[in-house]
All heavy atoms as atom14 arrays in JSON, in Angstrom:
{
  "sequence": "LVAAGISFEVVPGITSGIAAPAYAGIPVTHREHCSQV",
  "atom14_mask": [
    [1, 1, 1, 1, 1, 1, 1, 1, 0, 0, 0, 0, 0, 0],
    [1, 1, 1, 1, 1, 1, 1, 0, 0, 0, 0, 0, 0, 0],
    [1, 1, 1, 1, 1, 0, 0, 0, 0, 0, 0, 0, 0, 0],
    [1, 1, 1, 1, 1, 0, 0, 0, 0, 0, 0, 0, 0, 0],
    [1, 1, 1, 1, 0, 0, 0, 0, 0, 0, 0, 0, 0, 0],
    [1, 1, 1, 1, 1, 1, 1, 1, 0, 0, 0, 0, 0, 0],
    [1, 1, 1, 1, 1, 1, 0, 0, 0, 0, 0, 0, 0, 0],
    [1, 1, 1, 1, 1, 1, 1, 1, 1, 1, 1, 0, 0, 0],
    [1, 1, 1, 1, 1, 1, 1, 1, 1, 0, 0, 0, 0, 0],
    [1, 1, 1, 1, 1, 1, 1, 0, 0, 0, 0, 0, 0, 0],
    [1, 1, 1, 1, 1, 1, 1, 0, 0, 0, 0, 0, 0, 0],
    [1, 1, 1, 1, 1, 1, 1, 0, 0, 0, 0, 0, 0, 0],
    [1, 1, 1, 1, 0, 0, 0, 0, 0, 0, 0, 0, 0, 0],
    [1, 1, 1, 1, 1, 1, 1, 1, 0, 0, 0, 0, 0, 0],
    [1, 1, 1, 1, 1, 1, 1, 0, 0, 0, 0, 0, 0, 0],
    [1, 1, 1, 1, 1, 1, 0, 0, 0, 0, 0, 0, 0, 0],
    [1, 1, 1, 1, 0, 0, 0, 0, 0, 0, 0, 0, 0, 0],
    [1, 1, 1, 1, 1, 1, 1, 1, 0, 0, 0, 0, 0, 0],
    [1, 1, 1, 1, 1, 0, 0, 0, 0, 0, 0, 0, 0, 0],
    [1, 1, 1, 1, 1, 0, 0, 0, 0, 0, 0, 0, 0, 0],
    [1, 1, 1, 1, 1, 1, 1, 0, 0, 0, 0, 0, 0, 0],
    [1, 1, 1, 1, 1, 0, 0, 0, 0, 0, 0, 0, 0, 0],
    [1, 1, 1, 1, 1, 1, 1, 1, 1, 1, 1, 1, 0, 0],
    [1, 1, 1, 1, 1, 0, 0, 0, 0, 0, 0, 0, 0, 0],
    [1, 1, 1, 1, 0, 0, 0, 0, 0, 0, 0, 0, 0, 0],
    [1, 1, 1, 1, 1, 1, 1, 1, 0, 0, 0, 0, 0, 0],
    [1, 1, 1, 1, 1, 1, 1, 0, 0, 0, 0, 0, 0, 0],
    [1, 1, 1, 1, 1, 1, 1, 0, 0, 0, 0, 0, 0, 0],
    [1, 1, 1, 1, 1, 1, 1, 0, 0, 0, 0, 0, 0, 0],
    [1, 1, 1, 1, 1, 1, 1, 1, 1, 1, 0, 0, 0, 0],
    [1, 1, 1, 1, 1, 1, 1, 1, 1, 1, 1, 0, 0, 0],
    [1, 1, 1, 1, 1, 1, 1, 1, 1, 0, 0, 0, 0, 0],
    [1, 1, 1, 1, 1, 1, 1, 1, 1, 1, 0, 0, 0, 0],
    [1, 1, 1, 1, 1, 1, 0, 0, 0, 0, 0, 0, 0, 0],
    [1, 1, 1, 1, 1, 1, 0, 0, 0, 0, 0, 0, 0, 0],
    [1, 1, 1, 1, 1, 1, 1, 1, 1, 0, 0, 0, 0, 0],
    [1, 1, 1, 1, 1, 1, 1, 0, 0, 0, 0, 0, 0, 0]
  ],
  "atom14_positions": [
    [[206.95, 49.66, 49.56], [206.65, 50.72, 48.55], [205.23, 51.07, 48.57], [204.73, 52.24, 48.35], [207.1, 50.15, 47.23], [208.74, 50.0, 47.05], [208.98, 49.12, 45.86], [209.38, 51.28, 47.16], [0.0, 0.0, 0.0], [0.0, 0.0, 0.0], [0.0, 0.0, 0.0], [0.0, 0.0, 0.0], [0.0, 0.0, 0.0], [0.0, 0.0, 0.0]],
    [[204.29, 50.14, 48.74], [202.88, 50.29, 48.84], [202.65, 51.22, 49.97], [201.8, 52.29, 49.87], [201.98, 49.04, 48.92], [200.67, 49.38, 49.38], [202.22, 48.2, 47.75], [0.0, 0.0, 0.0], [0.0, 0.0, 0.0], [0.0, 0.0, 0.0], [0.0, 0.0, 0.0], [0.0, 0.0, 0.0], [0.0, 0.0, 0.0], [0.0, 0.0, 0.0]],
    [[203.2, 50.98, 51.09], [202.88, 51.81, 52.22], [203.33, 53.31, 52.14], [202.88, 54.25, 52.65], [203.65, 51.2, 53.53], [0.0, 0.0, 0.0], [0.0, 0.0, 0.0], [0.0, 0.0, 0.0], [0.0, 0.0, 0.0], [0.0, 0.0, 0.0], [0.0, 0.0, 0.0], [0.0, 0.0, 0.0], [0.0, 0.0, 0.0], [0.0, 0.0, 0.0]],
    [[204.51, 53.4, 51.33], [205.1, 54.81, 51.09], [204.34, 55.49, 49.96], [204.64, 56.69, 49.47], [206.55, 54.78, 50.83], [0.0, 0.0, 0.0], [0.0, 0.0, 0.0], [0.0, 0.0, 0.0], [0.0, 0.0, 0.0], [0.0, 0.0, 0.0], [0.0, 0.0, 0.0], [0.0, 0.0, 0.0], [0.0, 0.0, 0.0], [0.0, 0.0, 0.0]],
    [[203.38, 54.7, 49.2], [202.76, 55.35, 48.05], [203.53, 55.43, 46.96], [203.25, 56.37, 46.02], [0.0, 0.0, 0.0], [0.0, 0.0, 0.0], [0.0, 0.0, 0.0], [0.0, 0.0, 0.0], [0.0, 0.0, 0.0], [0.0, 0.0, 0.0], [0.0, 0.0, 0.0], [0.0, 0.0, 0.0], [0.0, 0.0, 0.0], [0.0, 0.0, 0.0]],
    [[204.48, 54.58, 46.65], [205.4, 54.55, 45.54], [205.12, 53.51, 44.46], [204.8, 52.38, 44.92], [206.87, 54.38, 46.06], [207.28, 55.48, 46.83], [207.82, 54.24, 44.86], [208.64, 55.42, 47.63], [0.0, 0.0, 0.0], [0.0, 0.0, 0.0], [0.0, 0.0, 0.0], [0.0, 0.0, 0.0], [0.0, 0.0, 0.0], [0.0, 0.0, 0.0]],
    [[204.99, 54.0, 43.32], [204.7, 53.08, 42.18], [205.86, 52.05, 41.94], [206.97, 52.32, 42.06], [204.44, 53.72, 40.9], [204.22, 52.88, 39.88], [0.0, 0.0, 0.0], [0.0, 0.0, 0.0], [0.0, 0.0, 0.0], [0.0, 0.0, 0.0], [0.0, 0.0, 0.0], [0.0, 0.0, 0.0], [0.0, 0.0, 0.0], [0.0, 0.0, 0.0]],
    [[205.48, 50.74, 41.6], [206.5, 49.79, 41.44], [206.14, 48.84, 40.36], [204.9, 48.7, 40.01], [206.92, 49.11, 42.69], [205.85, 48.09, 43.24], [205.86, 46.73, 42.84], [204.81, 48.55, 43.92], [204.9, 45.95, 43.39], [203.85, 47.79, 44.61], [203.91, 46.41, 44.18], [0.0, 0.0, 0.0], [0.0, 0.0, 0.0], [0.0, 0.0, 0.0]],
    [[207.18, 48.04, 39.76], [206.82, 47.06, 38.87], [207.75, 45.92, 39.25], [208.92, 46.04, 39.53], [207.3, 47.6, 37.46], [207.2, 46.54, 36.31], [207.55, 46.89, 34.94], [207.38, 48.23, 34.73], [208.14, 46.13, 34.22], [0.0, 0.0, 0.0], [0.0, 0.0, 0.0], [0.0, 0.0, 0.0], [0.0, 0.0, 0.0], [0.0, 0.0, 0.0]],
    [[207.19, 44.72, 39.05], [208.03, 43.53, 39.36], [208.48, 42.81, 38.0], [207.54, 42.54, 37.07], [207.21, 42.48, 40.14], [207.97, 41.24, 40.37], [206.73, 43.11, 41.53], [0.0, 0.0, 0.0], [0.0, 0.0, 0.0], [0.0, 0.0, 0.0], [0.0, 0.0, 0.0], [0.0, 0.0, 0.0], [0.0, 0.0, 0.0], [0.0, 0.0, 0.0]],
    [[209.76, 42.57, 37.85], [210.35, 41.89, 36.63], [210.83, 40.6, 37.14], [211.99, 40.45, 37.74], [211.39, 42.79, 36.0], [211.84, 42.03, 34.72], [210.81, 44.09, 35.65], [0.0, 0.0, 0.0], [0.0, 0.0, 0.0], [0.0, 0.0, 0.0], [0.0, 0.0, 0.0], [0.0, 0.0, 0.0], [0.0, 0.0, 0.0], [0.0, 0.0, 0.0]],
    [[210.16, 39.5, 36.94], [210.61, 38.25, 37.47], [212.01, 37.83, 36.84], [212.31, 38.26, 35.73], [209.61, 37.26, 37.05], [208.32, 38.0, 36.82], [209.01, 39.41, 36.24], [0.0, 0.0, 0.0], [0.0, 0.0, 0.0], [0.0, 0.0, 0.0], [0.0, 0.0, 0.0], [0.0, 0.0, 0.0], [0.0, 0.0, 0.0], [0.0, 0.0, 0.0]],
    [[212.72, 37.13, 37.6], [214.07, 36.46, 37.13], [213.98, 34.97, 37.2], [213.05, 34.37, 37.81], [0.0, 0.0, 0.0], [0.0, 0.0, 0.0], [0.0, 0.0, 0.0], [0.0, 0.0, 0.0], [0.0, 0.0, 0.0], [0.0, 0.0, 0.0], [0.0, 0.0, 0.0], [0.0, 0.0, 0.0], [0.0, 0.0, 0.0], [0.0, 0.0, 0.0]],
    [[215.05, 34.43, 36.63], [215.08, 32.95, 36.53], [215.56, 32.53, 38.04], [216.71, 33.0, 38.35], [215.98, 32.45, 35.47], [215.31, 32.86, 34.13], [216.1, 30.92, 35.53], [216.17, 32.41, 32.95], [0.0, 0.0, 0.0], [0.0, 0.0, 0.0], [0.0, 0.0, 0.0], [0.0, 0.0, 0.0], [0.0, 0.0, 0.0], [0.0, 0.0, 0.0]],
    [[214.86, 31.85, 38.78], [215.13, 31.45, 40.05], [216.29, 30.29, 39.95], [216.27, 29.47, 39.24], [214.04, 31.04, 40.86], [214.37, 30.73, 42.15], [213.46, 29.72, 40.3], [0.0, 0.0, 0.0], [0.0, 0.0, 0.0], [0.0, 0.0, 0.0], [0.0, 0.0, 0.0], [0.0, 0.0, 0.0], [0.0, 0.0, 0.0], [0.0, 0.0, 0.0]],
    [[217.22, 30.46, 41.1], [218.36, 29.54, 41.09], [217.99, 28.02, 41.32], [218.69, 27.19, 41.0], [219.31, 30.0, 42.09], [218.76, 30.1, 43.43], [0.0, 0.0, 0.0], [0.0, 0.0, 0.0], [0.0, 0.0, 0.0], [0.0, 0.0, 0.0], [0.0, 0.0, 0.0], [0.0, 0.0, 0.0], [0.0, 0.0, 0.0], [0.0, 0.0, 0.0]],
    [[216.76, 27.89, 41.96], [216.38, 26.58, 42.29], [215.94, 25.86, 41.04], [215.91, 24.51, 41.15], [0.0, 0.0, 0.0], [0.0, 0.0, 0.0], [0.0, 0.0, 0.0], [0.0, 0.0, 0.0], [0.0, 0.0, 0.0], [0.0, 0.0, 0.0], [0.0, 0.0, 0.0], [0.0, 0.0, 0.0], [0.0, 0.0, 0.0], [0.0, 0.0, 0.0]],
    [[215.78, 26.47, 39.92], [215.39, 25.75, 38.64], [216.8, 25.83, 37.72], [217.13, 24.72, 37.08], [214.36, 26.44, 37.96], [213.05, 26.48, 38.89], [213.93, 25.8, 36.63], [212.58, 25.15, 39.3], [0.0, 0.0, 0.0], [0.0, 0.0, 0.0], [0.0, 0.0, 0.0], [0.0, 0.0, 0.0], [0.0, 0.0, 0.0], [0.0, 0.0, 0.0]],
    [[217.36, 26.98, 37.77], [218.43, 27.22, 36.85], [219.74, 26.44, 37.25], [220.38, 25.72, 36.47], [218.81, 28.66, 36.7], [0.0, 0.0, 0.0], [0.0, 0.0, 0.0], [0.0, 0.0, 0.0], [0.0, 0.0, 0.0], [0.0, 0.0, 0.0], [0.0, 0.0, 0.0], [0.0, 0.0, 0.0], [0.0, 0.0, 0.0], [0.0, 0.0, 0.0]],
    [[220.18, 26.48, 38.53], [221.34, 25.84, 39.0], [221.15, 24.16, 38.67], [222.11, 23.64, 38.21], [221.56, 25.96, 40.51], [0.0, 0.0, 0.0], [0.0, 0.0, 0.0], [0.0, 0.0, 0.0], [0.0, 0.0, 0.0], [0.0, 0.0, 0.0], [0.0, 0.0, 0.0], [0.0, 0.0, 0.0], [0.0, 0.0, 0.0], [0.0, 0.0, 0.0]],
    [[220.1, 23.45, 39.05], [220.01, 22.15, 38.62], [220.14, 21.84, 37.14], [220.8, 20.96, 36.61], [218.76, 21.65, 39.22], [218.43, 22.7, 40.22], [218.89, 24.02, 39.81], [0.0, 0.0, 0.0], [0.0, 0.0, 0.0], [0.0, 0.0, 0.0], [0.0, 0.0, 0.0], [0.0, 0.0, 0.0], [0.0, 0.0, 0.0], [0.0, 0.0, 0.0]],
    [[219.51, 22.67, 36.43], [219.52, 22.63, 34.96], [220.99, 22.75, 34.39], [221.45, 21.99, 33.51], [218.67, 23.78, 34.22], [0.0, 0.0, 0.0], [0.0, 0.0, 0.0], [0.0, 0.0, 0.0], [0.0, 0.0, 0.0], [0.0, 0.0, 0.0], [0.0, 0.0, 0.0], [0.0, 0.0, 0.0], [0.0, 0.0, 0.0], [0.0, 0.0, 0.0]],
    [[221.73, 23.67, 34.94], [223.16, 23.8, 34.55], [223.98, 22.74, 35.16], [225.09, 22.47, 34.55], [223.69, 25.12, 35.07], [223.47, 26.19, 34.07], [222.26, 26.61, 33.56], [224.54, 27.11, 33.66], [221.94, 27.55, 32.66], [224.34, 28.2, 32.79], [223.1, 28.48, 32.27], [222.86, 29.46, 31.38], [0.0, 0.0, 0.0], [0.0, 0.0, 0.0]],
    [[223.48, 21.95, 36.08], [224.13, 20.68, 36.52], [223.8, 19.53, 35.86], [224.26, 18.35, 36.27], [224.08, 20.62, 38.16], [0.0, 0.0, 0.0], [0.0, 0.0, 0.0], [0.0, 0.0, 0.0], [0.0, 0.0, 0.0], [0.0, 0.0, 0.0], [0.0, 0.0, 0.0], [0.0, 0.0, 0.0], [0.0, 0.0, 0.0], [0.0, 0.0, 0.0]],
    [[222.96, 19.51, 34.94], [222.44, 18.47, 34.24], [221.36, 17.77, 34.95], [221.28, 16.44, 34.82], [0.0, 0.0, 0.0], [0.0, 0.0, 0.0], [0.0, 0.0, 0.0], [0.0, 0.0, 0.0], [0.0, 0.0, 0.0], [0.0, 0.0, 0.0], [0.0, 0.0, 0.0], [0.0, 0.0, 0.0], [0.0, 0.0, 0.0], [0.0, 0.0, 0.0]],
    [[220.64, 18.38, 35.92], [219.57, 17.74, 36.72], [218.16, 18.52, 36.38], [218.04, 19.62, 36.92], [219.92, 17.83, 38.23], [221.21, 17.23, 38.5], [218.81, 17.16, 39.21], [221.81, 17.51, 39.93], [0.0, 0.0, 0.0], [0.0, 0.0, 0.0], [0.0, 0.0, 0.0], [0.0, 0.0, 0.0], [0.0, 0.0, 0.0], [0.0, 0.0, 0.0]],
    [[217.33, 17.88, 35.72], [216.05, 18.38, 35.51], [215.16, 17.98, 36.8], [215.14, 16.91, 37.27], [215.49, 17.49, 34.34], [216.19, 16.27, 34.29], [217.51, 16.55, 34.88], [0.0, 0.0, 0.0], [0.0, 0.0, 0.0], [0.0, 0.0, 0.0], [0.0, 0.0, 0.0], [0.0, 0.0, 0.0], [0.0, 0.0, 0.0], [0.0, 0.0, 0.0]],
    [[214.56, 19.07, 37.3], [213.82, 18.92, 38.62], [212.62, 18.11, 38.5], [212.07, 17.59, 39.46], [213.52, 20.27, 39.24], [214.8, 21.02, 39.68], [212.67, 21.08, 38.33], [0.0, 0.0, 0.0], [0.0, 0.0, 0.0], [0.0, 0.0, 0.0], [0.0, 0.0, 0.0], [0.0, 0.0, 0.0], [0.0, 0.0, 0.0], [0.0, 0.0, 0.0]],
    [[212.07, 17.97, 37.29], [210.92, 16.92, 37.01], [211.35, 16.17, 35.86], [212.03, 16.6, 34.92], [209.64, 17.69, 36.66], [209.71, 18.51, 35.46], [209.3, 18.64, 37.83], [0.0, 0.0, 0.0], [0.0, 0.0, 0.0], [0.0, 0.0, 0.0], [0.0, 0.0, 0.0], [0.0, 0.0, 0.0], [0.0, 0.0, 0.0], [0.0, 0.0, 0.0]],
    [[210.73, 14.93, 35.76], [211.07, 14.0, 34.59], [209.94, 12.97, 34.71], [209.64, 12.37, 35.75], [212.42, 13.25, 34.79], [212.86, 12.67, 33.57], [212.29, 11.34, 33.24], [213.79, 12.87, 32.53], [213.05, 10.9, 32.15], [213.72, 11.82, 31.77], [0.0, 0.0, 0.0], [0.0, 0.0, 0.0], [0.0, 0.0, 0.0], [0.0, 0.0, 0.0]],
    [[209.39, 12.64, 33.57], [208.24, 11.71, 33.66], [208.51, 10.4, 34.23], [207.68, 9.73, 34.86], [207.72, 11.47, 32.17], [206.82, 12.86, 31.73], [206.19, 12.5, 30.43], [206.98, 12.04, 29.38], [206.63, 11.51, 28.17], [205.23, 11.47, 27.88], [207.36, 11.22, 27.21], [0.0, 0.0, 0.0], [0.0, 0.0, 0.0], [0.0, 0.0, 0.0]],
    [[209.73, 9.89, 34.02], [210.13, 8.55, 34.57], [210.59, 8.69, 36.01], [210.92, 7.54, 36.62], [211.1, 7.96, 33.66], [210.67, 7.67, 32.22], [211.77, 7.04, 31.38], [212.82, 6.73, 32.0], [211.55, 6.9, 30.21], [0.0, 0.0, 0.0], [0.0, 0.0, 0.0], [0.0, 0.0, 0.0], [0.0, 0.0, 0.0], [0.0, 0.0, 0.0]],
    [[210.68, 9.89, 36.58], [211.25, 9.96, 37.96], [210.24, 10.67, 38.92], [209.88, 10.14, 40.01], [212.48, 10.78, 38.01], [213.64, 10.05, 37.27], [214.58, 9.32, 38.05], [214.06, 9.91, 35.93], [215.48, 8.79, 37.29], [215.21, 9.01, 35.94], [0.0, 0.0, 0.0], [0.0, 0.0, 0.0], [0.0, 0.0, 0.0], [0.0, 0.0, 0.0]],
    [[209.7, 11.81, 38.52], [208.76, 12.42, 39.43], [207.97, 13.6, 38.59], [208.54, 14.08, 37.69], [209.51, 13.12, 40.51], [210.65, 14.48, 40.14], [0.0, 0.0, 0.0], [0.0, 0.0, 0.0], [0.0, 0.0, 0.0], [0.0, 0.0, 0.0], [0.0, 0.0, 0.0], [0.0, 0.0, 0.0], [0.0, 0.0, 0.0], [0.0, 0.0, 0.0]],
    [[206.86, 13.79, 39.12], [205.93, 14.94, 38.41], [205.67, 15.98, 39.53], [204.7, 16.72, 39.32], [204.73, 14.28, 37.92], [204.04, 13.52, 38.91], [0.0, 0.0, 0.0], [0.0, 0.0, 0.0], [0.0, 0.0, 0.0], [0.0, 0.0, 0.0], [0.0, 0.0, 0.0], [0.0, 0.0, 0.0], [0.0, 0.0, 0.0], [0.0, 0.0, 0.0]],
    [[206.49, 16.01, 40.55], [206.18, 17.08, 41.6], [207.48, 17.63, 42.09], [208.52, 16.76, 42.15], [205.5, 16.38, 42.73], [205.28, 17.42, 43.95], [204.63, 16.67, 45.15], [203.75, 15.74, 44.9], [204.89, 16.99, 46.37], [0.0, 0.0, 0.0], [0.0, 0.0, 0.0], [0.0, 0.0, 0.0], [0.0, 0.0, 0.0], [0.0, 0.0, 0.0]],
    [[207.63, 19.01, 42.31], [208.8, 19.55, 42.84], [208.45, 20.55, 43.85], [207.44, 21.18, 43.72], [209.64, 20.15, 41.65], [208.77, 21.23, 41.03], [210.95, 20.83, 42.18], [0.0, 0.0, 0.0], [0.0, 0.0, 0.0], [0.0, 0.0, 0.0], [0.0, 0.0, 0.0], [0.0, 0.0, 0.0], [0.0, 0.0, 0.0], [0.0, 0.0, 0.0]]
  ]
}
């Protein structure tokens, strides 16, 4: 779009790598398990 000279806007979405684990009952970080993902 930049190369074509077209204006654009980015609207972020909730990424599946965070949402899918949350819906499966798996927090990707936890103070007693890890502080890095």
